[in-house]
Amino acid sequence: MIGNNDIEVVIGGKVITLSGNESEEYLQKVSSYINNKIAEYNNVDSFRRQPSDMQNVLLLLNIADDYFKTKKQIEDLEGELEAKDRELYDLKHELIAAQIKLESREKQIRNIQGK
């Protein structure tokens, strides 16, 4: 959707208005992710005993960790894809070279048989 999209979401039990160019579905998905992280950490006793500012820092660190791990995974997959593309390119060239060689041999055989 083009244009600014305002949507009210609930994050950590508080109603927050999000604005962005993204769809409502996307903004809901982002808020759901944050809520799931909050719920995940609220199940950990040592987390709940921390002051709220420390809880926020720990949540931010965990989300940043998710981000960097996902980014690394994407980079690895892109590297694998590039390697596979190079391999495919090389295989196509080998196939073309083999076809040319085969055609040359077939022509030689026809020439020998024609004599």
C-alpha atoms as a PDB file:
ATOM      1  CA  MET A   1       0.000   0.000   0.000  1.00  0.00           C
ATOM      2  CA  ILE A   2       1.328   3.443  -0.885  1.00  0.00           C
ATOM      3  CA  GLY A   3       0.886   6.190   1.684  1.00  0.00           C
ATOM      4  CA  ASN A   4       1.035   6.357   5.426  1.00  0.00           C
ATOM      5  CA  ASN A   5      -0.774   3.621   7.279  1.00  0.00           C
ATOM      6  CA  ASP A   6      -1.816   4.180  10.908  1.00  0.00           C
ATOM      7  CA  ILE A   7      -2.794   1.178  12.968  1.00  0.00           C
ATOM      8  CA  GLU A   8      -3.383   0.623  16.642  1.00  0.00           C
ATOM      9  CA  VAL A   9      -1.670  -2.437  18.070  1.00  0.00           C
ATOM     10  CA  VAL A  10      -1.221  -3.837  21.542  1.00  0.00           C
ATOM     11  CA  ILE A  11       2.391  -4.349  22.583  1.00  0.00           C
ATOM     12  CA  GLY A  12       3.191  -5.456  26.101  1.00  0.00           C
ATOM     13  CA  GLY A  13      -0.381  -4.769  27.157  1.00  0.00           C
ATOM     14  CA  LYS A  14      -0.309  -1.148  25.934  1.00  0.00           C
ATOM     15  CA  VAL A  15      -2.150   0.269  22.938  1.00  0.00           C
ATOM     16  CA  ILE A  16       0.300   1.908  20.566  1.00  0.00           C
ATOM     17  CA  THR A  17      -0.357   3.611  17.242  1.00  0.00           C
ATOM     18  CA  LEU A  18       2.089   2.553  14.559  1.00  0.00           C
ATOM     19  CA  SER A  19       2.557   4.599  11.396  1.00  0.00           C
ATOM     20  CA  GLY A  20       4.295   3.474   8.274  1.00  0.00           C
ATOM     21  CA  ASN A  21       4.137   2.797   4.584  1.00  0.00           C
ATOM     22  CA  GLU A  22       3.798  -0.911   5.268  1.00  0.00           C
ATOM     23  CA  SER A  23       0.506  -2.765   5.198  1.00  0.00           C
ATOM     24  CA  GLU A  24      -1.626  -3.283   8.297  1.00  0.00           C
ATOM     25  CA  GLU A  25      -0.856  -6.981   8.057  1.00  0.00           C
ATOM     26  CA  TYR A  26       2.880  -6.292   8.190  1.00  0.00           C
ATOM     27  CA  LEU A  27       2.563  -3.899  11.131  1.00  0.00           C
ATOM     28  CA  GLN A  28       0.458  -6.504  12.979  1.00  0.00           C
ATOM     29  CA  LYS A  29       3.107  -9.121  12.227  1.00  0.00           C
ATOM     30  CA  VAL A  30       5.845  -6.894  13.670  1.00  0.00           C
ATOM     31  CA  SER A  31       3.855  -6.175  16.815  1.00  0.00           C
ATOM     32  CA  SER A  32       3.062  -9.873  17.170  1.00  0.00           C
ATOM     33  CA  TYR A  33       6.784 -10.674  16.972  1.00  0.00           C
ATOM     34  CA  ILE A  34       7.512  -8.157  19.751  1.00  0.00           C
ATOM     35  CA  ASN A  35       4.674  -9.539  21.884  1.00  0.00           C
ATOM     36  CA  ASN A  36       5.968 -13.074  21.423  1.00  0.00           C
ATOM     37  CA  LYS A  37       9.450 -11.982  22.545  1.00  0.00           C
ATOM     38  CA  ILE A  38       7.983 -10.266  25.597  1.00  0.00           C
ATOM     39  CA  ALA A  39       5.925 -13.349  26.455  1.00  0.00           C
ATOM     40  CA  GLU A  40       8.938 -15.618  25.926  1.00  0.00           C
ATOM     41  CA  TYR A  41      11.070 -13.609  28.310  1.00  0.00           C
ATOM     42  CA  ASN A  42       8.298 -13.081  30.836  1.00  0.00           C
ATOM     43  CA  ASN A  43       8.367 -16.864  31.329  1.00  0.00           C
ATOM     44  CA  VAL A  44      11.961 -16.618  32.614  1.00  0.00           C
ATOM     45  CA  ASP A  45      12.170 -15.926  36.363  1.00  0.00           C
ATOM     46  CA  SER A  46      15.544 -14.193  36.187  1.00  0.00           C
ATOM     47  CA  PHE A  47      14.200 -11.830  33.521  1.00  0.00           C
ATOM     48  CA  ARG A  48      11.111 -10.904  35.531  1.00  0.00           C
ATOM     49  CA  ARG A  49      13.292 -10.048  38.545  1.00  0.00           C
ATOM     50  CA  GLN A  50      15.181  -7.426  36.527  1.00  0.00           C
ATOM     51  CA  PRO A  51      14.170  -3.756  36.602  1.00  0.00           C
ATOM     52  CA  SER A  52      12.038  -2.735  33.622  1.00  0.00           C
ATOM     53  CA  ASP A  53      14.842  -0.726  31.997  1.00  0.00           C
ATOM     54  CA  MET A  54      17.091  -3.817  32.119  1.00  0.00           C
ATOM     55  CA  GLN A  55      14.242  -5.951  30.755  1.00  0.00           C
ATOM     56  CA  ASN A  56      13.942  -3.536  27.832  1.00  0.00           C
ATOM     57  CA  VAL A  57      17.675  -3.711  27.164  1.00  0.00           C
ATOM     58  CA  LEU A  58      17.607  -7.516  27.293  1.00  0.00           C
ATOM     59  CA  LEU A  59      14.667  -7.609  24.863  1.00  0.00           C
ATOM     60  CA  LEU A  60      16.456  -5.215  22.523  1.00  0.00           C
ATOM     61  CA  LEU A  61      19.620  -7.318  22.684  1.00  0.00           C
ATOM     62  CA  ASN A  62      17.639 -10.474  21.933  1.00  0.00           C
ATOM     63  CA  ILE A  63      15.874  -8.868  18.975  1.00  0.00           C
ATOM     64  CA  ALA A  64      19.195  -7.530  17.660  1.00  0.00           C
ATOM     65  CA  ASP A  65      20.649 -11.030  18.059  1.00  0.00           C
ATOM     66  CA  ASP A  66      17.759 -12.453  16.009  1.00  0.00           C
ATOM     67  CA  TYR A  67      18.366  -9.792  13.376  1.00  0.00           C
ATOM     68  CA  PHE A  68      22.103 -10.440  13.040  1.00  0.00           C
ATOM     69  CA  LYS A  69      21.678 -14.219  13.009  1.00  0.00           C
ATOM     70  CA  THR A  70      19.038 -13.929  10.288  1.00  0.00           C
ATOM     71  CA  LYS A  71      21.192 -11.484   8.333  1.00  0.00           C
ATOM     72  CA  LYS A  72      24.141 -13.906   8.525  1.00  0.00           C
ATOM     73  CA  GLN A  73      21.894 -16.776   7.431  1.00  0.00           C
ATOM     74  CA  ILE A  74      20.752 -14.736   4.417  1.00  0.00           C
ATOM     75  CA  GLU A  75      24.352 -13.862   3.526  1.00  0.00           C
ATOM     76  CA  ASP A  76      25.309 -17.539   3.757  1.00  0.00           C
ATOM     77  CA  LEU A  77      22.374 -18.546   1.547  1.00  0.00           C
ATOM     78  CA  GLU A  78      23.232 -15.829  -0.964  1.00  0.00           C
ATOM     79  CA  GLY A  79      26.821 -17.133  -1.046  1.00  0.00           C
ATOM     80  CA  GLU A  80      25.568 -20.666  -1.624  1.00  0.00           C
ATOM     81  CA  LEU A  81      23.285 -19.421  -4.388  1.00  0.00           C
ATOM     82  CA  GLU A  82      26.160 -17.577  -6.086  1.00  0.00           C
ATOM     83  CA  ALA A  83      28.321 -20.720  -5.870  1.00  0.00           C
ATOM     84  CA  LYS A  84      25.511 -22.813  -7.364  1.00  0.00           C
ATOM     85  CA  ASP A  85      25.001 -20.237 -10.123  1.00  0.00           C
ATOM     86  CA  ARG A  86      28.727 -20.405 -10.959  1.00  0.00           C
ATOM     87  CA  GLU A  87      28.606 -24.205 -10.925  1.00  0.00           C
ATOM     88  CA  LEU A  88      25.557 -24.205 -13.198  1.00  0.00           C
ATOM     89  CA  TYR A  89      27.273 -21.758 -15.547  1.00  0.00           C
ATOM     90  CA  ASP A  90      30.375 -23.981 -15.681  1.00  0.00           C
ATOM     91  CA  LEU A  91      28.257 -27.100 -16.257  1.00  0.00           C
ATOM     92  CA  LYS A  92      26.391 -25.426 -19.117  1.00  0.00           C
ATOM     93  CA  HIS A  93      29.675 -24.514 -20.752  1.00  0.00           C
ATOM     94  CA  GLU A  94      30.982 -28.052 -20.277  1.00  0.00           C
ATOM     95  CA  LEU A  95      27.781 -29.381 -21.855  1.00  0.00           C
ATOM     96  CA  ILE A  96      28.106 -27.041 -24.825  1.00  0.00           C
ATOM     97  CA  ALA A  97      31.759 -28.033 -25.281  1.00  0.00           C
ATOM     98  CA  ALA A  98      30.801 -31.728 -25.109  1.00  0.00           C
ATOM     99  CA  GLN A  99      28.007 -31.194 -27.652  1.00  0.00           C
ATOM    100  CA  ILE A 100      30.387 -29.436 -30.027  1.00  0.00           C
ATOM    101  CA  LYS A 101      32.912 -32.234 -29.619  1.00  0.00           C
ATOM    102  CA  LEU A 102      30.191 -34.849 -30.216  1.00  0.00           C
ATOM    103  CA  GLU A 103      28.987 -33.073 -33.341  1.00  0.00           C
ATOM    104  CA  SER A 104      32.569 -32.892 -34.599  1.00  0.00           C
ATOM    105  CA  ARG A 105      33.077 -36.620 -33.981  1.00  0.00           C
ATOM    106  CA  GLU A 106      29.776 -37.455 -35.663  1.00  0.00           C
ATOM    107  CA  LYS A 107      30.825 -35.379 -38.670  1.00  0.00           C
ATOM    108  CA  GLN A 108      34.173 -37.200 -38.770  1.00  0.00           C
ATOM    109  CA  ILE A 109      32.363 -40.563 -38.653  1.00  0.00           C
ATOM    110  CA  ARG A 110      30.030 -39.531 -41.487  1.00  0.00           C
ATOM    111  CA  ASN A 111      33.013 -38.381 -43.544  1.00  0.00           C
ATOM    112  CA  ILE A 112      34.826 -41.713 -42.950  1.00  0.00           C
ATOM    113  CA  GLN A 113      31.696 -43.719 -43.758  1.00  0.00           C
ATOM    114  CA  GLY A 114      31.082 -41.649 -46.876  1.00  0.00           C
ATOM    115  CA  LYS A 115      34.488 -42.419 -48.368  1.00  0.00           C
END
